N, C-alpha and C. Protein backbone atom coordinates (compact mmCIF):
# COMPACT_ATOMS: atom_id res chain seq x y z
N MET A 1 91.47 43.79 83.45
CA MET A 1 91.00 44.29 82.19
C MET A 1 90.36 45.65 82.43
N SER A 2 90.92 46.69 81.86
CA SER A 2 90.41 48.04 82.01
C SER A 2 89.31 48.28 80.98
N GLY A 3 88.07 48.10 81.40
CA GLY A 3 86.95 48.13 80.48
C GLY A 3 86.78 49.44 79.73
N GLU A 4 86.84 50.55 80.44
CA GLU A 4 86.63 51.84 79.78
C GLU A 4 87.75 52.13 78.78
N ARG A 5 88.97 51.85 79.18
CA ARG A 5 90.10 52.13 78.28
C ARG A 5 90.01 51.26 77.02
N ILE A 6 89.64 49.99 77.22
CA ILE A 6 89.52 49.09 76.07
C ILE A 6 88.39 49.56 75.16
N THR A 7 87.27 49.92 75.74
CA THR A 7 86.15 50.41 74.94
C THR A 7 86.56 51.65 74.15
N ARG A 8 87.30 52.55 74.80
CA ARG A 8 87.77 53.77 74.12
C ARG A 8 88.68 53.41 72.94
N LEU A 9 89.59 52.46 73.17
CA LEU A 9 90.49 52.05 72.10
C LEU A 9 89.72 51.40 70.95
N LEU A 10 88.70 50.61 71.28
CA LEU A 10 87.90 49.97 70.23
C LEU A 10 87.13 51.03 69.43
N GLU A 11 86.67 52.06 70.11
CA GLU A 11 85.99 53.16 69.40
C GLU A 11 86.97 53.88 68.48
N GLN A 12 88.20 54.07 68.97
CA GLN A 12 89.22 54.73 68.15
C GLN A 12 89.57 53.86 66.94
N ALA A 13 89.63 52.55 67.16
CA ALA A 13 89.90 51.63 66.05
C ALA A 13 88.79 51.73 65.01
N GLU A 14 87.55 51.81 65.50
CA GLU A 14 86.40 51.93 64.61
C GLU A 14 86.47 53.22 63.80
N ASN A 15 87.03 54.26 64.40
CA ASN A 15 87.17 55.55 63.72
C ASN A 15 88.44 55.64 62.88
N GLY A 16 89.14 54.52 62.78
CA GLY A 16 90.28 54.47 61.88
C GLY A 16 91.64 54.80 62.47
N ARG A 17 91.74 54.92 63.77
CA ARG A 17 93.05 55.21 64.36
C ARG A 17 93.95 53.98 64.26
N PRO A 18 95.06 54.09 63.53
CA PRO A 18 95.97 52.95 63.39
C PRO A 18 96.52 52.52 64.75
N GLY A 19 96.57 51.23 64.96
CA GLY A 19 97.17 50.69 66.17
C GLY A 19 96.25 50.60 67.37
N ALA A 20 95.06 51.20 67.28
CA ALA A 20 94.16 51.19 68.43
C ALA A 20 93.68 49.77 68.74
N LEU A 21 93.36 49.00 67.71
CA LEU A 21 92.92 47.62 67.95
C LEU A 21 94.05 46.80 68.55
N ASP A 22 95.26 47.02 68.06
CA ASP A 22 96.41 46.30 68.61
C ASP A 22 96.58 46.61 70.11
N GLU A 23 96.41 47.88 70.46
CA GLU A 23 96.54 48.25 71.87
C GLU A 23 95.45 47.60 72.72
N ALA A 24 94.24 47.56 72.18
CA ALA A 24 93.13 46.94 72.92
C ALA A 24 93.41 45.45 73.13
N VAL A 25 93.88 44.80 72.08
CA VAL A 25 94.18 43.36 72.20
C VAL A 25 95.34 43.14 73.16
N THR A 26 96.31 44.02 73.13
CA THR A 26 97.44 43.90 74.07
C THR A 26 96.93 43.97 75.51
N LEU A 27 96.01 44.89 75.77
CA LEU A 27 95.44 45.00 77.11
C LEU A 27 94.63 43.76 77.49
N MET A 28 94.06 43.12 76.49
CA MET A 28 93.22 41.95 76.77
C MET A 28 93.96 40.64 76.57
N TYR A 29 95.23 40.70 76.26
CA TYR A 29 95.98 39.49 75.94
C TYR A 29 95.92 38.47 77.08
N ARG A 30 96.12 38.95 78.29
CA ARG A 30 96.09 38.03 79.44
C ARG A 30 94.75 37.32 79.55
N ASP A 31 93.67 38.06 79.32
CA ASP A 31 92.34 37.45 79.37
C ASP A 31 92.15 36.47 78.22
N LEU A 32 92.62 36.87 77.03
CA LEU A 32 92.52 35.98 75.87
C LEU A 32 93.32 34.69 76.12
N HIS A 33 94.52 34.86 76.66
CA HIS A 33 95.35 33.68 76.93
C HIS A 33 94.70 32.80 78.00
N GLY A 34 94.11 33.41 79.00
CA GLY A 34 93.42 32.64 80.04
C GLY A 34 92.25 31.85 79.46
N ALA A 35 91.49 32.48 78.58
CA ALA A 35 90.36 31.78 77.95
C ALA A 35 90.87 30.64 77.08
N ALA A 36 91.94 30.89 76.31
CA ALA A 36 92.50 29.84 75.45
C ALA A 36 93.03 28.69 76.28
N ASP A 37 93.74 29.00 77.34
CA ASP A 37 94.29 27.97 78.22
C ASP A 37 93.16 27.14 78.83
N ARG A 38 92.13 27.81 79.26
CA ARG A 38 90.99 27.11 79.86
C ARG A 38 90.32 26.19 78.84
N LEU A 39 90.07 26.71 77.64
CA LEU A 39 89.44 25.89 76.60
C LEU A 39 90.27 24.65 76.28
N LEU A 40 91.55 24.84 76.10
CA LEU A 40 92.41 23.71 75.73
C LEU A 40 92.54 22.70 76.87
N ARG A 41 92.67 23.17 78.09
CA ARG A 41 92.75 22.25 79.23
C ARG A 41 91.44 21.47 79.39
N ASP A 42 90.32 22.16 79.17
CA ASP A 42 89.03 21.49 79.27
C ASP A 42 88.88 20.39 78.23
N ARG A 43 89.45 20.62 77.07
CA ARG A 43 89.27 19.68 75.96
C ARG A 43 90.31 18.57 75.96
N TYR A 44 91.54 18.90 76.39
CA TYR A 44 92.62 17.91 76.28
C TYR A 44 93.16 17.47 77.63
N GLY A 45 92.78 18.13 78.69
CA GLY A 45 93.28 17.77 80.01
C GLY A 45 94.53 18.55 80.37
N ALA A 46 94.92 18.44 81.63
CA ALA A 46 96.11 19.14 82.11
C ALA A 46 97.33 18.67 81.33
N GLY A 47 98.20 19.59 80.98
CA GLY A 47 99.39 19.25 80.22
C GLY A 47 99.12 19.11 78.73
N LEU A 48 97.87 19.19 78.32
CA LEU A 48 97.45 19.13 76.93
C LEU A 48 97.98 17.91 76.19
N PRO A 49 97.81 16.70 76.72
CA PRO A 49 98.28 15.53 75.99
C PRO A 49 97.50 15.37 74.68
N GLY A 50 98.20 15.15 73.63
CA GLY A 50 97.56 14.96 72.32
C GLY A 50 97.27 16.24 71.58
N ALA A 51 97.43 17.37 72.23
CA ALA A 51 97.17 18.65 71.56
C ALA A 51 98.48 19.22 71.02
N THR A 52 98.45 19.65 69.81
CA THR A 52 99.63 20.30 69.23
C THR A 52 99.42 21.81 69.18
N LEU A 53 98.28 22.24 69.64
CA LEU A 53 97.96 23.67 69.67
C LEU A 53 98.11 24.16 71.11
N GLU A 54 98.93 25.16 71.30
CA GLU A 54 99.14 25.72 72.63
C GLU A 54 98.28 26.97 72.80
N PRO A 55 98.03 27.36 74.05
CA PRO A 55 97.19 28.54 74.28
C PRO A 55 97.68 29.79 73.53
N ALA A 56 98.99 30.02 73.53
CA ALA A 56 99.49 31.22 72.83
C ALA A 56 99.19 31.15 71.34
N ALA A 57 99.30 29.97 70.76
CA ALA A 57 98.99 29.81 69.33
C ALA A 57 97.50 30.03 69.08
N LEU A 58 96.66 29.54 69.98
CA LEU A 58 95.22 29.76 69.83
C LEU A 58 94.89 31.25 69.92
N VAL A 59 95.55 31.95 70.83
CA VAL A 59 95.34 33.40 70.95
C VAL A 59 95.81 34.09 69.68
N ASN A 60 96.97 33.71 69.18
CA ASN A 60 97.50 34.35 67.97
C ASN A 60 96.58 34.13 66.77
N GLU A 61 96.10 32.90 66.61
CA GLU A 61 95.18 32.63 65.50
C GLU A 61 93.87 33.41 65.68
N THR A 62 93.41 33.50 66.91
CA THR A 62 92.19 34.28 67.19
C THR A 62 92.42 35.75 66.85
N TYR A 63 93.59 36.25 67.23
CA TYR A 63 93.91 37.65 66.94
C TYR A 63 93.95 37.90 65.44
N LEU A 64 94.57 37.00 64.69
CA LEU A 64 94.60 37.15 63.23
C LEU A 64 93.19 37.14 62.65
N SER A 65 92.36 36.28 63.21
CA SER A 65 90.97 36.22 62.76
C SER A 65 90.25 37.53 63.07
N LEU A 66 90.53 38.09 64.24
CA LEU A 66 89.91 39.37 64.61
C LEU A 66 90.39 40.50 63.70
N LEU A 67 91.67 40.45 63.34
CA LEU A 67 92.20 41.48 62.44
C LEU A 67 91.55 41.40 61.07
N ARG A 68 91.33 40.17 60.60
CA ARG A 68 90.68 40.00 59.28
C ARG A 68 89.24 40.50 59.34
N GLN A 69 88.58 40.26 60.44
CA GLN A 69 87.18 40.65 60.57
C GLN A 69 87.03 42.16 60.60
N ARG A 70 87.75 42.79 61.48
CA ARG A 70 87.76 44.25 61.63
C ARG A 70 86.37 44.88 61.55
N SER A 71 85.39 44.15 62.01
CA SER A 71 84.06 44.77 62.03
C SER A 71 83.93 45.59 63.30
N GLY A 72 83.07 46.53 63.28
CA GLY A 72 82.94 47.48 64.36
C GLY A 72 82.71 46.84 65.72
N TYR A 73 83.71 46.93 66.54
CA TYR A 73 83.56 46.46 67.91
C TYR A 73 82.95 47.61 68.70
N GLN A 74 81.75 47.39 69.19
CA GLN A 74 81.02 48.47 69.84
C GLN A 74 81.61 48.83 71.20
N ASN A 75 82.06 47.83 71.92
CA ASN A 75 82.64 48.04 73.24
C ASN A 75 83.38 46.77 73.64
N ARG A 76 83.91 46.77 74.84
CA ARG A 76 84.69 45.63 75.30
C ARG A 76 83.85 44.35 75.34
N SER A 77 82.61 44.44 75.79
CA SER A 77 81.75 43.26 75.86
C SER A 77 81.50 42.69 74.47
N HIS A 78 81.27 43.57 73.52
CA HIS A 78 81.05 43.13 72.14
C HIS A 78 82.30 42.47 71.60
N PHE A 79 83.45 43.04 71.92
CA PHE A 79 84.72 42.47 71.49
C PHE A 79 84.90 41.07 72.09
N ILE A 80 84.57 40.91 73.37
CA ILE A 80 84.70 39.61 74.02
C ILE A 80 83.79 38.59 73.35
N ALA A 81 82.58 39.00 73.02
CA ALA A 81 81.66 38.08 72.35
C ALA A 81 82.23 37.63 71.02
N ILE A 82 82.77 38.58 70.24
CA ILE A 82 83.33 38.23 68.93
C ILE A 82 84.61 37.40 69.11
N ALA A 83 85.44 37.78 70.07
CA ALA A 83 86.67 37.02 70.31
C ALA A 83 86.36 35.60 70.74
N SER A 84 85.35 35.42 71.57
CA SER A 84 84.95 34.08 72.00
C SER A 84 84.52 33.25 70.81
N ARG A 85 83.69 33.85 69.97
CA ARG A 85 83.20 33.15 68.78
C ARG A 85 84.37 32.76 67.87
N GLN A 86 85.28 33.70 67.66
CA GLN A 86 86.43 33.42 66.79
C GLN A 86 87.34 32.35 67.41
N MET A 87 87.53 32.40 68.72
CA MET A 87 88.38 31.41 69.38
C MET A 87 87.79 30.01 69.24
N LEU A 88 86.47 29.90 69.40
CA LEU A 88 85.82 28.60 69.23
C LEU A 88 85.95 28.12 67.79
N ARG A 89 85.84 29.04 66.84
CA ARG A 89 85.97 28.65 65.42
C ARG A 89 87.39 28.23 65.09
N VAL A 90 88.36 28.95 65.63
CA VAL A 90 89.77 28.57 65.40
C VAL A 90 90.01 27.18 65.97
N LEU A 91 89.49 26.93 67.16
CA LEU A 91 89.66 25.61 67.77
C LEU A 91 88.96 24.53 66.94
N ALA A 92 87.77 24.84 66.44
CA ALA A 92 87.05 23.88 65.59
C ALA A 92 87.84 23.61 64.32
N ASP A 93 88.39 24.65 63.71
CA ASP A 93 89.21 24.47 62.50
C ASP A 93 90.43 23.60 62.80
N TYR A 94 91.06 23.86 63.94
CA TYR A 94 92.22 23.06 64.34
C TYR A 94 91.84 21.59 64.47
N GLU A 95 90.73 21.34 65.14
CA GLU A 95 90.32 19.95 65.36
C GLU A 95 89.88 19.30 64.06
N ARG A 96 89.25 20.07 63.19
CA ARG A 96 88.87 19.54 61.88
C ARG A 96 90.13 19.16 61.10
N GLY A 97 91.12 20.04 61.12
CA GLY A 97 92.38 19.76 60.44
C GLY A 97 93.10 18.56 61.03
N LYS A 98 93.04 18.45 62.32
CA LYS A 98 93.66 17.31 63.00
C LYS A 98 92.96 16.02 62.60
N GLY A 99 91.64 16.07 62.47
CA GLY A 99 90.88 14.91 62.07
C GLY A 99 91.19 14.50 60.65
N ARG A 100 91.38 15.49 59.76
CA ARG A 100 91.74 15.18 58.36
C ARG A 100 93.08 14.48 58.30
N GLN A 101 93.98 14.90 59.16
CA GLN A 101 95.31 14.29 59.16
C GLN A 101 95.24 12.83 59.55
N LYS A 102 94.35 12.50 60.43
CA LYS A 102 94.28 11.11 60.88
C LYS A 102 93.43 10.24 59.95
N ARG A 103 92.66 10.84 59.07
CA ARG A 103 91.79 10.13 58.13
C ARG A 103 90.88 9.14 58.85
N GLY A 104 89.66 9.39 58.76
CA GLY A 104 88.71 8.47 59.34
C GLY A 104 88.44 8.72 60.81
N GLY A 105 89.26 9.49 61.46
CA GLY A 105 89.01 9.79 62.87
C GLY A 105 87.86 10.76 62.98
N ASP A 106 86.99 10.53 63.90
CA ASP A 106 85.86 11.42 64.11
C ASP A 106 86.27 12.52 65.06
N GLN A 107 87.15 13.40 64.59
CA GLN A 107 87.75 14.41 65.46
C GLN A 107 86.83 15.56 65.80
N LEU A 108 85.71 15.68 65.12
CA LEU A 108 84.81 16.78 65.46
C LEU A 108 84.02 16.49 66.72
N ARG A 109 83.94 15.24 67.14
CA ARG A 109 83.22 14.89 68.35
C ARG A 109 84.21 14.87 69.50
N VAL A 110 84.18 15.90 70.31
CA VAL A 110 85.12 16.00 71.41
C VAL A 110 84.38 16.34 72.69
N THR A 111 85.01 16.09 73.78
CA THR A 111 84.38 16.30 75.07
C THR A 111 84.55 17.75 75.52
N LEU A 112 83.50 18.31 76.03
CA LEU A 112 83.54 19.66 76.58
C LEU A 112 83.45 19.53 78.10
N THR A 113 84.43 18.91 78.68
CA THR A 113 84.34 18.60 80.11
C THR A 113 84.20 19.84 80.98
N GLY A 114 85.20 20.68 80.99
CA GLY A 114 85.17 21.81 81.90
C GLY A 114 84.36 22.97 81.40
N VAL A 115 84.37 23.19 80.09
CA VAL A 115 83.69 24.35 79.55
C VAL A 115 82.19 24.24 79.72
N ALA A 116 81.66 23.11 79.38
CA ALA A 116 80.22 23.01 79.39
C ALA A 116 79.75 21.60 79.70
N ALA A 117 80.49 20.92 80.55
CA ALA A 117 80.13 19.53 80.83
C ALA A 117 78.71 19.42 81.35
N ASP A 118 78.33 20.37 82.16
CA ASP A 118 76.98 20.29 82.70
C ASP A 118 75.93 20.81 81.74
N LEU A 119 76.38 21.28 80.57
CA LEU A 119 75.42 21.79 79.59
C LEU A 119 74.88 20.69 78.71
N VAL A 120 75.64 19.68 78.51
CA VAL A 120 75.26 18.69 77.51
C VAL A 120 74.84 17.39 78.16
N ALA A 121 73.83 16.79 77.59
CA ALA A 121 73.37 15.51 78.09
C ALA A 121 74.29 14.40 77.62
N ALA A 122 74.76 14.51 76.41
CA ALA A 122 75.66 13.50 75.86
C ALA A 122 77.07 13.78 76.34
N ASP A 123 77.94 12.77 76.30
CA ASP A 123 79.32 12.93 76.72
C ASP A 123 80.13 13.77 75.73
N ASP A 124 79.79 13.66 74.48
CA ASP A 124 80.58 14.35 73.45
C ASP A 124 79.76 15.41 72.73
N THR A 125 80.37 16.55 72.57
CA THR A 125 79.77 17.62 71.79
C THR A 125 80.87 18.26 70.99
N GLY A 126 80.61 18.53 69.75
CA GLY A 126 81.59 19.19 68.92
C GLY A 126 81.68 20.66 69.26
N ILE A 127 82.88 21.20 69.15
CA ILE A 127 83.08 22.61 69.46
C ILE A 127 82.30 23.49 68.48
N GLU A 128 82.15 23.01 67.24
CA GLU A 128 81.37 23.78 66.26
C GLU A 128 79.91 23.85 66.67
N GLU A 129 79.38 22.74 67.16
CA GLU A 129 77.99 22.72 67.60
C GLU A 129 77.80 23.66 68.80
N PHE A 130 78.77 23.65 69.71
CA PHE A 130 78.69 24.53 70.87
C PHE A 130 78.73 26.00 70.43
N ALA A 131 79.64 26.34 69.53
CA ALA A 131 79.73 27.72 69.04
C ALA A 131 78.46 28.13 68.30
N ALA A 132 77.93 27.21 67.49
CA ALA A 132 76.70 27.52 66.75
C ALA A 132 75.53 27.72 67.71
N ALA A 133 75.48 26.90 68.76
CA ALA A 133 74.40 27.05 69.74
C ALA A 133 74.51 28.40 70.45
N LEU A 134 75.74 28.82 70.75
CA LEU A 134 75.91 30.15 71.37
C LEU A 134 75.44 31.25 70.43
N ASP A 135 75.71 31.09 69.14
CA ASP A 135 75.24 32.09 68.17
C ASP A 135 73.71 32.13 68.11
N LEU A 136 73.09 30.96 68.17
CA LEU A 136 71.62 30.92 68.17
C LEU A 136 71.07 31.55 69.45
N LEU A 137 71.71 31.27 70.56
CA LEU A 137 71.28 31.87 71.83
C LEU A 137 71.39 33.39 71.76
N GLU A 138 72.41 33.88 71.10
CA GLU A 138 72.59 35.33 70.97
C GLU A 138 71.42 35.97 70.23
N GLN A 139 70.88 35.26 69.24
CA GLN A 139 69.73 35.79 68.52
C GLN A 139 68.48 35.82 69.40
N LEU A 140 68.37 34.84 70.27
CA LEU A 140 67.22 34.74 71.16
C LEU A 140 67.34 35.66 72.37
N ASP A 141 68.51 35.66 72.99
CA ASP A 141 68.72 36.43 74.22
C ASP A 141 70.18 36.87 74.28
N PRO A 142 70.49 38.03 73.72
CA PRO A 142 71.88 38.48 73.64
C PRO A 142 72.62 38.51 74.98
N ARG A 143 71.93 38.96 76.03
CA ARG A 143 72.63 39.04 77.31
C ARG A 143 72.97 37.65 77.85
N SER A 144 72.06 36.70 77.73
CA SER A 144 72.35 35.34 78.19
C SER A 144 73.51 34.74 77.41
N ALA A 145 73.59 35.04 76.11
CA ALA A 145 74.70 34.53 75.32
C ALA A 145 76.01 35.17 75.78
N GLU A 146 75.97 36.45 76.07
CA GLU A 146 77.17 37.14 76.55
C GLU A 146 77.59 36.59 77.90
N VAL A 147 76.62 36.35 78.76
CA VAL A 147 76.91 35.77 80.07
C VAL A 147 77.52 34.38 79.89
N ALA A 148 76.95 33.58 79.00
CA ALA A 148 77.47 32.23 78.74
C ALA A 148 78.90 32.29 78.24
N ARG A 149 79.19 33.21 77.35
CA ARG A 149 80.57 33.33 76.84
C ARG A 149 81.54 33.72 77.96
N LEU A 150 81.12 34.72 78.72
CA LEU A 150 82.01 35.17 79.80
C LEU A 150 82.21 34.09 80.86
N HIS A 151 81.16 33.38 81.19
CA HIS A 151 81.24 32.39 82.26
C HIS A 151 81.79 31.05 81.77
N PHE A 152 81.27 30.53 80.68
CA PHE A 152 81.67 29.19 80.23
C PHE A 152 82.95 29.20 79.41
N VAL A 153 83.14 30.21 78.57
CA VAL A 153 84.32 30.22 77.71
C VAL A 153 85.48 30.95 78.39
N TRP A 154 85.21 32.13 78.94
CA TRP A 154 86.29 32.93 79.54
C TRP A 154 86.54 32.56 80.99
N GLY A 155 85.65 31.78 81.59
CA GLY A 155 85.85 31.31 82.95
C GLY A 155 85.67 32.37 84.02
N ARG A 156 84.90 33.38 83.74
CA ARG A 156 84.66 34.45 84.71
C ARG A 156 83.64 34.01 85.74
N GLY A 157 83.86 34.42 86.98
CA GLY A 157 82.91 34.12 88.05
C GLY A 157 81.64 34.94 87.88
N LEU A 158 80.57 34.50 88.53
CA LEU A 158 79.28 35.17 88.36
C LEU A 158 79.33 36.62 88.84
N GLU A 159 80.00 36.86 89.96
CA GLU A 159 80.07 38.24 90.45
C GLU A 159 80.86 39.12 89.49
N GLU A 160 81.92 38.59 88.93
CA GLU A 160 82.71 39.37 87.97
C GLU A 160 81.90 39.66 86.71
N VAL A 161 81.14 38.67 86.25
CA VAL A 161 80.29 38.89 85.07
C VAL A 161 79.27 39.97 85.39
N ALA A 162 78.70 39.91 86.59
CA ALA A 162 77.71 40.92 86.98
C ALA A 162 78.33 42.32 86.96
N THR A 163 79.55 42.41 87.47
CA THR A 163 80.23 43.71 87.48
C THR A 163 80.52 44.17 86.05
N LEU A 164 81.01 43.27 85.23
CA LEU A 164 81.34 43.62 83.84
C LEU A 164 80.12 44.12 83.08
N LEU A 165 78.96 43.48 83.34
CA LEU A 165 77.76 43.83 82.58
C LEU A 165 76.89 44.87 83.30
N GLY A 166 77.27 45.21 84.53
CA GLY A 166 76.53 46.25 85.25
C GLY A 166 75.14 45.82 85.68
N VAL A 167 74.98 44.53 86.01
CA VAL A 167 73.69 44.04 86.52
C VAL A 167 73.96 43.27 87.81
N SER A 168 72.89 42.87 88.48
CA SER A 168 73.06 42.17 89.75
C SER A 168 73.53 40.73 89.54
N THR A 169 74.11 40.18 90.58
CA THR A 169 74.55 38.78 90.53
C THR A 169 73.35 37.84 90.35
N ARG A 170 72.23 38.18 90.97
CA ARG A 170 71.02 37.35 90.81
C ARG A 170 70.58 37.31 89.35
N THR A 171 70.69 38.43 88.67
CA THR A 171 70.34 38.47 87.25
C THR A 171 71.26 37.55 86.47
N ILE A 172 72.54 37.61 86.80
CA ILE A 172 73.50 36.75 86.10
C ILE A 172 73.23 35.28 86.40
N GLU A 173 72.88 34.99 87.65
CA GLU A 173 72.55 33.59 88.00
C GLU A 173 71.36 33.10 87.18
N ARG A 174 70.35 33.94 87.02
CA ARG A 174 69.19 33.55 86.19
C ARG A 174 69.61 33.35 84.74
N ASP A 175 70.45 34.26 84.24
CA ASP A 175 70.92 34.15 82.85
C ASP A 175 71.71 32.85 82.65
N VAL A 176 72.56 32.52 83.62
CA VAL A 176 73.36 31.28 83.50
C VAL A 176 72.45 30.06 83.51
N ARG A 177 71.45 30.07 84.41
CA ARG A 177 70.52 28.92 84.45
C ARG A 177 69.79 28.79 83.12
N PHE A 178 69.32 29.92 82.60
CA PHE A 178 68.61 29.88 81.32
C PHE A 178 69.54 29.41 80.21
N ALA A 179 70.73 30.01 80.15
CA ALA A 179 71.68 29.65 79.08
C ALA A 179 72.05 28.18 79.17
N ARG A 180 72.31 27.69 80.36
CA ARG A 180 72.69 26.28 80.55
C ARG A 180 71.57 25.36 80.05
N ALA A 181 70.35 25.65 80.48
CA ALA A 181 69.22 24.80 80.08
C ALA A 181 68.99 24.88 78.58
N TRP A 182 69.03 26.09 78.05
CA TRP A 182 68.77 26.26 76.61
C TRP A 182 69.85 25.59 75.79
N LEU A 183 71.10 25.79 76.16
CA LEU A 183 72.20 25.16 75.42
C LEU A 183 72.14 23.64 75.53
N ALA A 184 71.85 23.13 76.72
CA ALA A 184 71.76 21.67 76.89
C ALA A 184 70.69 21.09 75.99
N GLU A 185 69.53 21.76 75.96
CA GLU A 185 68.43 21.26 75.12
C GLU A 185 68.80 21.36 73.65
N THR A 186 69.37 22.48 73.26
CA THR A 186 69.73 22.68 71.85
C THR A 186 70.81 21.68 71.42
N LEU A 187 71.81 21.47 72.26
CA LEU A 187 72.88 20.53 71.91
C LEU A 187 72.36 19.10 71.90
N ALA A 188 71.46 18.78 72.82
CA ALA A 188 70.89 17.43 72.84
C ALA A 188 70.06 17.18 71.58
N GLU A 189 69.27 18.20 71.16
CA GLU A 189 68.48 18.05 69.93
C GLU A 189 69.39 17.87 68.72
N GLY A 190 70.50 18.59 68.73
CA GLY A 190 71.44 18.49 67.61
C GLY A 190 72.13 17.15 67.52
N SER A 191 72.26 16.46 68.65
CA SER A 191 72.96 15.17 68.64
C SER A 191 72.04 14.02 68.29
N ARG A 192 70.73 14.28 68.19
CA ARG A 192 69.77 13.20 67.86
C ARG A 192 69.71 12.95 66.38
């Protein structure tokens, strides 16, 4: 992911250059697909048994959501934060729709095994609750929320997150510990 080039394209998109957002998303497609694949595998397991949504479809729906939003993406990190939020919402909408189809199925309660298994005290957490908790964390500590999105949703390693955000790995480790504890407590309170 070429951070400076993506940030430049997002700035151009903000200034009204046609196609700039498309180019930025094209450059980030592999990362978006990786995040979508990770989210779906974490929720449905390898091979996605029971899932009718594939990673490419999740990326496409997320992209459409980003196009509708078209709010000023300040830089690549800001775009990732918004893309993560939109991806979680698209997944929540998918699961809500899937639950409606089954009638009576409690489809909003799903396991977050790989994404945030160590974040939650309970076995099941809804993706909407997880996304909402990330939004609340962003209000409290924007960097910790960004670190949580990059690490838990996008699957980035701590050193890579440190490089992306221009801070030390120790700082990222502290942010992850804080985010994990805060999200676990918030999600546990929400499940009571």
